[in-house]
């Protein structure tokens, strides 16, 4: 309780409040711009937070995460183009409502659903993260190694490509993480005589490259696309009848989003899809979905915004990112010398709760911005891509250089961007690679510590209950869907024959 109060008192700093408000505006701007998303925004801003104190730095990053996730609904509803992938399902019902002249009503429902979902997820974050950290406090290196392997196994489902391509992308990220001097043996690996690589490939330039510069190259193919925004008169809060129709949907999707967010490497996009599908499944009027249903908007927006708080639970409590954006925030924590995990809630509890309260605050702020500022932010969609993305490129280069004032970081960012572009062109998602880079260092460190602890008898990890539990989960995550699919195919002909 004392840590929670101290964290709340940290928000009494006017300078921090001003930064959070400015970051909320920036996050809404990022989320409202088609092509940009929360991950790109956080990655671009990360280098500029290096010189800040840890609390305002991480508070700004999480603020952009929450605000950009909500703002994706603005363009989804007004121009049928989701500002972020997490708002893709919002297009299905938001744009039909806008075409009927009810864009204000749709945006009002999106703002209310997003705020409720975000607040519920932060409350769950405050309760679940310390409990999870307490449970993990007695973890030894073998348990952490098994947990990291399980986190890597979840990469199969996080990207846009096939599970195999996602795993290959993640494995490549792990290989990149081996560059540099091995801390256990002091052997240089893949440095090619360059001293700048002796400490490994830095996280920040890679994040800027794969999420910022690669998106610039992808968007270069969309220069001919014209977007015609829908005319909107005013934002309307949901009526009492609307609340009666959607309150169960909002609560259900908030629970779904929080749970999906907690799962390592899932995130808001998966949560929004499941939230939308479940809203349709439980609706009394499923035939309205896809034609302008408020329940569809509520189900999607409550789920994707609640996933933001859920994603921070494993990120802070275990050091395993719960989403692509959380992976970038995890890199920010590491750059500031913070160690996510059980010790954060014993040695740095005030910091953790300051972040929790800042996330609570931003959910309230973007509610009012969504109600009174959506019409203004909708105009940013008129910015030509030919102007927007060169600005993004300049920010990318400046951000990469600002970290260590090193041209090597700039070349790493550019190289990562080109690599990310070709990966995406050939169906490989860059998200697993980025998370693999972060988890790869943890994996190697925990394995080395485990081998020392177990006297190089690696099979003894299977005799430890928690390690065995995570290894079993890893096997189920990798092979369970394939086995289940084959069993289902074998049973289907038998069932049809019997009928």
Protein backbone atom coordinates (compact mmCIF):
# COMPACT_ATOMS: atom_id res chain seq x y z
CA UNK A 1 0.00 0.00 0.00
CA UNK A 2 2.87 2.37 0.81
CA UNK A 3 4.41 1.78 -2.62
CA UNK A 4 1.07 2.51 -4.29
CA UNK A 5 0.74 5.79 -2.42
CA UNK A 6 4.34 6.77 -3.19
CA UNK A 7 3.74 5.99 -6.87
CA UNK A 8 0.63 8.16 -6.83
CA UNK A 9 2.54 11.00 -5.17
CA UNK A 10 5.07 10.89 -8.02
CA UNK A 11 2.31 12.13 -10.33
CA UNK A 12 2.02 15.30 -8.24
CA UNK A 13 5.03 16.62 -10.13
CA UNK A 14 3.68 19.27 -12.58
CA UNK A 15 6.54 18.57 -14.99
CA UNK A 16 5.62 14.86 -15.15
CA UNK A 17 1.93 15.67 -15.62
CA UNK A 18 2.78 18.02 -18.48
CA UNK A 19 4.92 15.33 -20.13
CA UNK A 20 2.13 12.75 -19.81
CA UNK A 21 -0.41 15.16 -21.32
CA UNK A 22 1.93 16.02 -24.20
CA UNK A 23 2.71 12.33 -24.76
CA UNK A 24 -1.02 11.58 -24.84
CA UNK A 25 -1.50 14.15 -27.59
CA UNK A 26 1.50 12.71 -29.42
CA UNK A 27 0.21 9.17 -29.00
CA UNK A 28 -3.21 10.09 -30.38
CA UNK A 29 -1.48 11.79 -33.31
CA UNK A 30 0.63 8.68 -33.99
CA UNK A 31 -2.35 6.36 -33.73
CA UNK A 32 -4.49 8.54 -35.99
CA UNK A 33 -1.94 8.53 -38.80
CA UNK A 34 -2.45 5.51 -41.08
CA UNK A 35 0.76 3.53 -41.32
CA UNK A 36 2.11 4.61 -37.95
CA UNK A 37 1.23 2.59 -34.86
CA UNK A 38 2.03 2.39 -31.17
CA UNK A 39 5.12 0.23 -31.72
CA UNK A 40 6.56 2.59 -34.31
CA UNK A 41 5.83 5.63 -32.15
CA UNK A 42 7.43 4.15 -29.05
CA UNK A 43 10.46 2.96 -31.04
CA UNK A 44 11.00 6.40 -32.58
CA UNK A 45 10.69 8.22 -29.26
CA UNK A 46 12.79 5.76 -27.23
CA UNK A 47 16.18 7.37 -28.00
CA UNK A 48 14.92 10.79 -26.90
CA UNK A 49 14.02 9.45 -23.43
CA UNK A 50 17.51 8.16 -22.67
CA UNK A 51 18.59 11.36 -20.90
CA UNK A 52 15.41 11.51 -18.77
CA UNK A 53 14.90 10.03 -15.34
CA UNK A 54 13.43 6.50 -15.44
CA UNK A 55 9.91 7.41 -14.22
CA UNK A 56 9.11 10.12 -16.82
CA UNK A 57 10.92 8.18 -19.56
CA UNK A 58 8.94 4.95 -19.14
CA UNK A 59 5.74 6.88 -18.34
CA UNK A 60 6.01 8.64 -21.71
CA UNK A 61 6.52 5.35 -23.55
CA UNK A 62 3.55 3.65 -21.88
CA UNK A 63 1.44 6.77 -22.45
CA UNK A 64 2.10 6.65 -26.19
CA UNK A 65 1.29 2.92 -26.11
CA UNK A 66 -2.13 3.48 -24.55
CA UNK A 67 -3.05 6.63 -26.47
CA UNK A 68 -2.02 5.32 -29.90
CA UNK A 69 -3.96 2.10 -29.37
CA UNK A 70 -7.13 4.12 -28.77
CA UNK A 71 -6.50 6.62 -31.59
CA UNK A 72 -6.46 3.89 -34.22
CA UNK A 73 -10.25 3.93 -33.96
CA UNK A 74 -10.43 7.51 -35.29
CA UNK A 75 -9.22 6.67 -38.78
CA UNK A 76 -10.86 3.25 -38.68
CA UNK A 77 -14.25 4.92 -38.29
CA UNK A 78 -13.74 8.00 -40.46
CA UNK A 79 -11.78 6.70 -43.46
CA UNK A 80 -12.07 2.91 -43.12
CA UNK A 81 -8.31 2.69 -42.55
CA UNK A 82 -7.23 1.54 -39.09
CA UNK A 83 -4.57 3.79 -37.63
CA UNK A 84 -3.19 0.69 -35.90
CA UNK A 85 -3.68 -3.00 -36.65
CA UNK A 86 -5.45 -3.36 -33.30
CA UNK A 87 -8.35 -1.30 -34.68
CA UNK A 88 -8.83 -3.33 -37.85
CA UNK A 89 -12.04 -4.91 -36.54
CA UNK A 90 -13.37 -1.46 -35.61
CA UNK A 91 -13.58 -0.67 -39.33
CA UNK A 92 -16.18 -3.40 -39.80
CA UNK A 93 -18.89 -1.50 -37.94
CA UNK A 94 -17.42 1.96 -37.40
CA UNK A 95 -17.19 2.95 -41.05
CA UNK A 96 -20.75 1.80 -41.95
CA UNK A 97 -22.01 3.96 -39.08
CA UNK A 98 -19.97 6.89 -40.38
CA UNK A 99 -21.44 6.44 -43.86
CA UNK A 100 -24.91 6.71 -42.31
CA UNK A 101 -23.96 10.05 -40.76
CA UNK A 102 -23.35 8.59 -37.27
CA UNK A 103 -19.57 8.99 -37.09
CA UNK A 104 -19.87 11.01 -33.88
CA UNK A 105 -21.92 8.28 -32.24
CA UNK A 106 -19.38 5.63 -33.30
CA UNK A 107 -16.42 7.65 -31.98
CA UNK A 108 -18.25 8.28 -28.71
CA UNK A 109 -18.75 4.55 -28.21
CA UNK A 110 -15.09 3.92 -29.11
CA UNK A 111 -13.92 6.50 -26.55
CA UNK A 112 -16.09 5.12 -23.75
CA UNK A 113 -15.22 1.47 -24.49
CA UNK A 114 -11.51 2.21 -24.76
CA UNK A 115 -11.46 4.14 -21.49
CA UNK A 116 -13.34 1.48 -19.53
CA UNK A 117 -11.24 -1.32 -21.00
CA UNK A 118 -8.01 0.55 -20.28
CA UNK A 119 -8.94 1.35 -16.67
CA UNK A 120 -10.00 -2.24 -15.97
CA UNK A 121 -6.73 -3.54 -17.38
CA UNK A 122 -4.66 -1.16 -15.23
CA UNK A 123 -6.54 -2.26 -12.12
CA UNK A 124 -5.75 -5.87 -13.07
CA UNK A 125 -2.14 -4.85 -13.70
CA UNK A 126 -1.83 -3.37 -10.23
CA UNK A 127 -3.20 -6.55 -8.68
CA UNK A 128 -1.70 -9.23 -10.91
CA UNK A 129 1.85 -7.97 -11.54
CA UNK A 130 2.96 -7.97 -7.86
CA UNK A 131 1.32 -11.38 -7.32
CA UNK A 132 3.02 -12.83 -10.40
CA UNK A 133 6.33 -11.32 -9.33
CA UNK A 134 5.91 -12.74 -5.83
CA UNK A 135 5.27 -16.20 -7.30
CA UNK A 136 8.36 -15.84 -9.48
CA UNK A 137 10.56 -14.43 -6.71
CA UNK A 138 11.88 -17.87 -5.86
CA UNK A 139 12.68 -18.71 -9.48
CA UNK A 140 16.20 -19.96 -10.08
CA UNK A 141 18.07 -19.73 -13.43
CA UNK A 142 16.60 -23.03 -14.73
CA UNK A 143 13.06 -21.71 -14.20
CA UNK A 144 13.89 -18.43 -15.90
CA UNK A 145 15.50 -20.30 -18.80
CA UNK A 146 12.40 -22.48 -19.25
CA UNK A 147 10.15 -19.41 -19.01
CA UNK A 148 12.19 -17.61 -21.68
CA UNK A 149 11.96 -20.66 -23.96
CA UNK A 150 8.19 -20.62 -23.47
CA UNK A 151 8.12 -16.91 -24.33
CA UNK A 152 10.01 -17.64 -27.55
CA UNK A 153 7.56 -20.41 -28.45
CA UNK A 154 4.72 -17.87 -28.38
CA UNK A 155 6.36 -16.02 -31.27
CA UNK A 156 4.79 -18.56 -33.63
CA UNK A 157 1.45 -16.80 -33.30
CA UNK A 158 2.47 -13.16 -33.02
CA UNK A 159 3.37 -12.18 -36.58
CA UNK A 160 1.42 -11.85 -39.79
CA UNK A 161 3.17 -14.74 -41.47
CA UNK A 162 2.90 -18.48 -41.03
CA UNK A 163 3.94 -20.03 -37.69
CA UNK A 164 7.07 -21.51 -39.24
CA UNK A 165 8.14 -18.18 -40.72
CA UNK A 166 7.48 -16.48 -37.40
CA UNK A 167 9.63 -19.03 -35.56
CA UNK A 168 12.41 -18.59 -38.14
CA UNK A 169 12.21 -14.82 -37.72
CA UNK A 170 12.40 -15.16 -33.94
CA UNK A 171 15.32 -17.58 -34.23
CA UNK A 172 17.15 -15.05 -36.40
CA UNK A 173 16.63 -12.47 -33.67
CA UNK A 174 18.16 -14.87 -31.15
CA UNK A 175 21.17 -15.36 -33.44
CA UNK A 176 21.65 -11.57 -33.66
CA UNK A 177 21.62 -11.47 -29.86
CA UNK A 178 24.78 -13.63 -29.79
CA UNK A 179 26.88 -10.89 -31.40
CA UNK A 180 29.48 -9.50 -29.00
CA UNK A 181 31.59 -10.80 -26.14
CA UNK A 182 30.20 -13.79 -24.26
CA UNK A 183 30.02 -12.77 -20.61
CA UNK A 184 30.78 -16.31 -19.39
CA UNK A 185 33.73 -17.17 -21.66
CA UNK A 186 34.91 -13.67 -22.76
CA UNK A 187 35.03 -14.91 -26.36
CA UNK A 188 34.22 -12.43 -29.15
CA UNK A 189 31.55 -13.60 -31.58
CA UNK A 190 30.61 -12.14 -34.97
CA UNK A 191 32.20 -8.75 -34.24
CA UNK A 192 34.42 -8.86 -37.38
CA UNK A 193 37.02 -6.78 -35.61
CA UNK A 194 34.65 -3.87 -34.93
CA UNK A 195 34.93 -2.63 -31.35
CA UNK A 196 31.47 -1.05 -31.57
CA UNK A 197 29.95 -4.54 -31.69
CA UNK A 198 31.84 -5.91 -28.69
CA UNK A 199 28.89 -5.23 -26.41
CA UNK A 200 26.42 -6.70 -28.90
CA UNK A 201 23.84 -5.28 -31.29
CA UNK A 202 22.06 -2.41 -29.48
CA UNK A 203 18.29 -2.73 -29.09
CA UNK A 204 17.27 0.81 -29.93
CA UNK A 205 18.67 1.16 -33.49
CA UNK A 206 17.25 -2.24 -34.41
CA UNK A 207 13.81 -1.26 -33.09
CA UNK A 208 13.94 2.01 -35.02
CA UNK A 209 14.97 0.19 -38.18
CA UNK A 210 12.54 -2.72 -38.22
CA UNK A 211 9.52 -0.70 -37.07
CA UNK A 212 10.22 2.77 -38.46
CA UNK A 213 12.44 2.64 -41.54
CA UNK A 214 11.00 -0.64 -42.87
CA UNK A 215 7.49 0.84 -42.61
CA UNK A 216 8.72 3.86 -44.59
CA UNK A 217 9.83 1.55 -47.40
CA UNK A 218 6.54 -0.37 -47.30
CA UNK A 219 4.48 2.82 -47.37
CA UNK A 220 6.42 3.98 -50.43
CA UNK A 221 4.24 1.56 -52.40
CA UNK A 222 1.08 3.38 -51.24
CA UNK A 223 1.81 6.84 -52.60
CA UNK A 224 -1.09 6.60 -55.03
CA UNK A 225 -3.70 5.80 -52.37
CA UNK A 226 -6.25 8.57 -51.79
CA UNK A 227 -8.21 8.74 -48.55
CA UNK A 228 -11.53 10.55 -48.34
CA UNK A 229 -12.55 11.24 -44.73
CA UNK A 230 -16.21 11.15 -43.75
CA UNK A 231 -17.79 14.43 -42.70
CA UNK A 232 -18.43 14.44 -38.95
CA UNK A 233 -20.60 16.94 -37.12
CA UNK A 234 -19.97 16.26 -33.42
CA UNK A 235 -19.00 13.49 -31.00
CA UNK A 236 -21.93 11.96 -29.15
CA UNK A 237 -21.76 10.07 -25.87
CA UNK A 238 -23.66 6.78 -25.90
CA UNK A 239 -27.28 7.03 -24.78
CA UNK A 240 -28.77 5.09 -21.89
CA UNK A 241 -30.16 2.56 -24.35
CA UNK A 242 -26.75 2.16 -25.92
CA UNK A 243 -25.20 1.45 -22.51
CA UNK A 244 -27.84 -1.20 -21.82
CA UNK A 245 -26.93 -2.93 -25.06
CA UNK A 246 -23.16 -2.86 -24.71
CA UNK A 247 -22.21 -2.94 -21.01
CA UNK A 248 -21.92 -6.73 -20.95
CA UNK A 249 -19.88 -6.62 -24.16
CA UNK A 250 -17.50 -4.03 -22.71
CA UNK A 251 -16.91 -6.02 -19.53
CA UNK A 252 -16.50 -9.29 -21.43
CA UNK A 253 -14.06 -7.81 -23.95
CA UNK A 254 -12.13 -6.06 -21.18
CA UNK A 255 -11.60 -9.40 -19.47
CA UNK A 256 -10.65 -11.06 -22.76
CA UNK A 257 -8.23 -8.28 -23.67
CA UNK A 258 -6.54 -8.30 -20.28
CA UNK A 259 -6.09 -12.07 -20.39
CA UNK A 260 -4.79 -12.07 -23.98
CA UNK A 261 -2.43 -9.21 -23.12
CA UNK A 262 -0.93 -11.18 -20.24
CA UNK A 263 -0.01 -14.04 -22.57
CA UNK A 264 3.58 -13.51 -23.76
CA UNK A 265 3.87 -12.10 -27.28
CA UNK A 266 0.17 -11.77 -28.06
CA UNK A 267 -1.09 -8.19 -27.79
CA UNK A 268 -3.90 -5.84 -28.76
CA UNK A 269 -4.43 -7.06 -32.33
CA UNK A 270 -5.22 -10.61 -31.27
CA UNK A 271 -7.32 -9.31 -28.37
CA UNK A 272 -9.44 -7.10 -30.63
CA UNK A 273 -10.18 -9.98 -33.00
CA UNK A 274 -11.23 -12.31 -30.21
CA UNK A 275 -13.20 -9.55 -28.45
CA UNK A 276 -15.08 -8.76 -31.66
CA UNK A 277 -15.84 -12.41 -32.40
CA UNK A 278 -17.10 -13.04 -28.88
CA UNK A 279 -19.24 -9.90 -28.99
CA UNK A 280 -20.88 -11.25 -32.12
CA UNK A 281 -21.27 -14.72 -30.62
CA UNK A 282 -23.08 -13.43 -27.52
CA UNK A 283 -25.09 -10.69 -29.23
CA UNK A 284 -28.87 -10.83 -29.52
CA UNK A 285 -28.53 -9.18 -32.93
CA UNK A 286 -25.52 -10.81 -34.64
CA UNK A 287 -26.93 -9.97 -38.05
CA UNK A 288 -26.15 -6.28 -37.42
CA UNK A 289 -22.41 -6.94 -37.17
CA UNK A 290 -20.56 -5.63 -40.19
CA UNK A 291 -23.39 -3.21 -40.97
CA UNK A 292 -22.94 -0.68 -38.16
CA UNK A 293 -23.25 -2.39 -34.77
CA UNK A 294 -22.27 -0.48 -31.65
CA UNK A 295 -21.60 -3.82 -29.95
CA UNK A 296 -18.96 -4.55 -32.58
CA UNK A 297 -17.17 -1.27 -31.87
CA UNK A 298 -17.42 -1.81 -28.10
CA UNK A 299 -16.15 -5.39 -28.34
CA UNK A 300 -13.16 -4.45 -30.45
CA UNK A 301 -12.12 -1.25 -28.66
CA UNK A 302 -12.57 -2.51 -25.10
CA UNK A 303 -10.47 -5.58 -25.92
CA UNK A 304 -7.58 -3.86 -27.69
CA UNK A 305 -7.20 -1.14 -25.04
CA UNK A 306 -7.44 -3.56 -22.12
CA UNK A 307 -4.65 -5.58 -23.72
CA UNK A 308 -2.23 -2.70 -23.10
CA UNK A 309 -2.40 -3.10 -19.32
CA UNK A 310 -2.40 -6.88 -19.59
CA UNK A 311 0.71 -6.83 -21.78
CA UNK A 312 2.63 -4.93 -19.10
CA UNK A 313 2.02 -7.67 -16.51
CA UNK A 314 4.58 -10.22 -17.85
CA UNK A 315 6.78 -7.37 -19.08
CA UNK A 316 7.29 -5.91 -15.61
CA UNK A 317 6.83 -9.04 -13.48
CA UNK A 318 8.80 -11.56 -15.55
CA UNK A 319 10.77 -9.60 -18.14
CA UNK A 320 8.84 -11.33 -20.95
CA UNK A 321 7.15 -8.84 -23.32
CA UNK A 322 3.40 -9.25 -23.64
CA UNK A 323 3.20 -7.47 -27.02
CA UNK A 324 5.44 -5.95 -29.71
CA UNK A 325 5.14 -2.49 -28.15
CA UNK A 326 5.84 -3.93 -24.71
CA UNK A 327 9.03 -5.39 -26.19
CA UNK A 328 10.21 -1.90 -27.11
CA UNK A 329 9.27 -0.62 -23.65
CA UNK A 330 11.22 -3.56 -22.18
CA UNK A 331 14.23 -2.42 -24.19
CA UNK A 332 13.71 1.06 -22.69
CA UNK A 333 13.71 -0.38 -19.18
CA UNK A 334 16.99 -2.14 -19.90
CA UNK A 335 18.58 0.97 -21.39
CA UNK A 336 17.75 2.83 -18.17
CA UNK A 337 19.39 0.10 -16.10
CA UNK A 338 16.12 -1.27 -14.73
CA UNK A 339 15.67 -5.01 -14.36
CA UNK A 340 12.10 -6.16 -14.93
CA UNK A 341 11.21 -9.14 -12.79
CA UNK A 342 10.39 -10.02 -9.20
CA UNK A 343 12.97 -7.64 -7.75
CA UNK A 344 11.23 -4.67 -9.36
CA UNK A 345 8.35 -5.01 -6.89
CA UNK A 346 10.65 -5.29 -3.88
CA UNK A 347 13.50 -2.93 -4.74
CA UNK A 348 11.73 -0.52 -7.13
CA UNK A 349 8.08 -0.79 -6.11
CA UNK A 350 7.60 3.00 -6.09
CA UNK A 351 8.73 3.16 -9.72
CA UNK A 352 6.41 0.33 -10.77
CA UNK A 353 3.34 1.91 -9.19
CA UNK A 354 4.21 5.32 -10.65
CA UNK A 355 4.00 3.67 -14.07
CA UNK A 356 0.69 2.03 -13.13
CA UNK A 357 -0.85 5.34 -12.07
CA UNK A 358 0.43 7.11 -15.18
CA UNK A 359 -1.30 4.49 -17.34
CA UNK A 360 -4.49 5.04 -15.36
CA UNK A 361 -4.22 8.78 -15.92
CA UNK A 362 -3.66 8.55 -19.65
CA UNK A 363 -6.83 6.48 -20.05
CA UNK A 364 -8.78 9.32 -18.51
CA UNK A 365 -7.00 11.98 -20.59
CA UNK A 366 -7.56 10.33 -23.95
CA UNK A 367 -11.26 9.94 -23.11
CA UNK A 368 -11.65 13.72 -23.17
CA UNK A 369 -9.31 14.07 -26.15
CA UNK A 370 -11.37 11.47 -27.97
CA UNK A 371 -14.59 13.34 -27.26
CA UNK A 372 -13.48 16.87 -28.07
CA UNK A 373 -10.38 16.47 -30.16
CA UNK A 374 -11.17 13.62 -32.55
CA UNK A 375 -12.46 16.01 -35.21
CA UNK A 376 -9.16 17.90 -35.13
CA UNK A 377 -6.96 14.81 -35.10
CA UNK A 378 -8.97 13.36 -37.98
CA UNK A 379 -7.52 16.14 -40.16
CA UNK A 380 -4.01 14.75 -39.80
CA UNK A 381 -5.09 11.99 -42.16
CA UNK A 382 -4.96 14.63 -44.90
CA UNK A 383 -1.17 14.96 -44.53
CA UNK A 384 0.34 13.61 -47.77
CA UNK A 385 2.43 10.48 -47.36
CA UNK A 386 5.15 12.19 -49.42
CA UNK A 387 5.57 14.67 -46.54
CA UNK A 388 4.86 12.42 -43.55
CA UNK A 389 7.32 9.60 -44.13
CA UNK A 390 10.42 11.70 -44.91
CA UNK A 391 9.79 13.34 -41.51
CA UNK A 392 9.60 9.88 -39.94
CA UNK A 393 12.89 8.95 -41.64
CA UNK A 394 14.62 12.04 -40.24
CA UNK A 395 13.35 11.21 -36.74
CA UNK A 396 14.60 7.65 -37.21
CA UNK A 397 18.13 8.70 -38.15
CA UNK A 398 18.36 11.37 -35.45
CA UNK A 399 17.02 8.94 -32.85
CA UNK A 400 19.47 6.21 -33.81
CA UNK A 401 22.42 8.62 -33.63
CA UNK A 402 21.30 10.30 -30.41
CA UNK A 403 21.69 7.17 -28.28
CA UNK A 404 25.51 6.92 -28.35
CA UNK A 405 26.42 9.60 -30.92
CA UNK A 406 27.66 6.73 -33.06
CA UNK A 407 27.37 6.38 -36.82
CA UNK A 408 27.49 2.62 -36.30
CA UNK A 409 24.04 2.85 -34.69
CA UNK A 410 22.78 4.78 -37.71
CA UNK A 411 24.04 2.09 -40.08
CA UNK A 412 22.51 -0.60 -37.87
CA UNK A 413 19.15 1.21 -38.01
CA UNK A 414 19.30 1.59 -41.79
CA UNK A 415 20.44 -2.01 -42.26
CA UNK A 416 17.70 -3.26 -39.94
CA UNK A 417 15.15 -1.22 -41.89
CA UNK A 418 16.24 -2.68 -45.24
CA UNK A 419 16.29 -6.17 -43.73
CA UNK A 420 12.83 -5.64 -42.24
CA UNK A 421 11.49 -4.44 -45.59
CA UNK A 422 12.64 -7.56 -47.44
CA UNK A 423 11.43 -9.81 -44.62
CA UNK A 424 7.96 -8.28 -44.80
CA UNK A 425 7.94 -8.49 -48.58
CA UNK A 426 8.59 -12.24 -48.40
CA UNK A 427 6.03 -12.92 -45.67
CA UNK A 428 8.28 -12.80 -42.60
CA UNK A 429 7.06 -10.66 -39.71
CA UNK A 430 9.65 -8.39 -38.11
CA UNK A 431 7.99 -8.54 -34.69
CA UNK A 432 9.29 -12.03 -33.76
CA UNK A 433 12.80 -10.97 -34.80
CA UNK A 434 12.69 -7.92 -32.52
CA UNK A 435 11.41 -9.92 -29.56
CA UNK A 436 13.91 -12.70 -30.31
CA UNK A 437 16.71 -10.13 -30.09
CA UNK A 438 15.55 -9.07 -26.61
CA UNK A 439 14.87 -12.57 -25.29
CA UNK A 440 17.99 -14.03 -26.91
CA UNK A 441 20.32 -12.33 -24.46
CA UNK A 442 18.19 -13.49 -21.53
CA UNK A 443 18.10 -17.01 -22.94
CA UNK A 444 21.87 -17.29 -23.22
CA UNK A 445 22.51 -15.76 -19.81
CA UNK A 446 19.99 -18.00 -18.05
CA UNK A 447 21.29 -21.09 -19.83
CA UNK A 448 24.86 -20.34 -18.79
CA UNK A 449 23.80 -19.74 -15.18
CA UNK A 450 21.74 -22.94 -15.20
CA UNK A 451 24.64 -25.02 -16.51
CA UNK A 452 26.91 -23.68 -13.78
CA UNK A 453 24.25 -24.26 -11.13
CA UNK A 454 23.52 -27.83 -12.31
CA UNK A 455 27.17 -28.74 -12.91
CA UNK A 456 26.55 -28.89 -16.70
CA UNK A 457 23.90 -31.58 -16.29
CA UNK A 458 21.20 -29.88 -18.36
CA UNK A 459 18.73 -32.77 -18.01
CA UNK A 460 18.35 -31.94 -14.33
CA UNK A 461 16.16 -29.02 -15.42
CA UNK A 462 13.50 -31.60 -16.26
CA UNK A 463 13.49 -32.75 -12.63
CA UNK A 464 12.45 -29.31 -11.39
CA UNK A 465 8.62 -29.01 -11.38
CA UNK A 466 8.35 -25.40 -12.59
CA UNK A 467 10.97 -25.85 -15.30
CA UNK A 468 9.24 -28.99 -16.51
CA UNK A 469 5.90 -27.16 -16.48
CA UNK A 470 7.19 -24.41 -18.78
CA UNK A 471 8.87 -26.93 -21.08
CA UNK A 472 5.58 -28.82 -21.40
CA UNK A 473 3.79 -25.56 -22.19
CA UNK A 474 6.41 -24.86 -24.85
CA UNK A 475 5.83 -28.23 -26.53
CA UNK A 476 2.05 -27.72 -26.42
CA UNK A 477 2.39 -24.20 -27.87
CA UNK A 478 4.53 -25.42 -30.77
CA UNK A 479 2.93 -28.75 -31.63
CA UNK A 480 -0.49 -28.65 -29.97
CA UNK A 481 -2.33 -26.81 -32.78
CA UNK A 482 -0.85 -29.13 -35.43
CA UNK A 483 -1.76 -32.32 -33.52
CA UNK A 484 -5.23 -31.00 -32.72
CA UNK A 485 -5.80 -30.07 -36.36
CA UNK A 486 -4.85 -33.54 -37.58
CA UNK A 487 -7.07 -35.22 -35.01
CA UNK A 488 -9.96 -32.97 -36.01
CA UNK A 489 -9.48 -33.82 -39.70
CA UNK A 490 -9.45 -37.52 -38.91
CA UNK A 491 -12.62 -37.34 -36.86
CA UNK A 492 -14.58 -35.19 -39.32
CA UNK A 493 -14.99 -37.93 -42.04
CA UNK A 494 -16.05 -40.42 -39.38
CA UNK A 495 -18.67 -38.03 -38.08
CA UNK A 496 -20.04 -37.33 -41.54
CA UNK A 497 -20.11 -41.06 -42.38
CA UNK A 498 -22.10 -41.81 -39.25
CA UNK A 499 -24.71 -39.23 -40.19
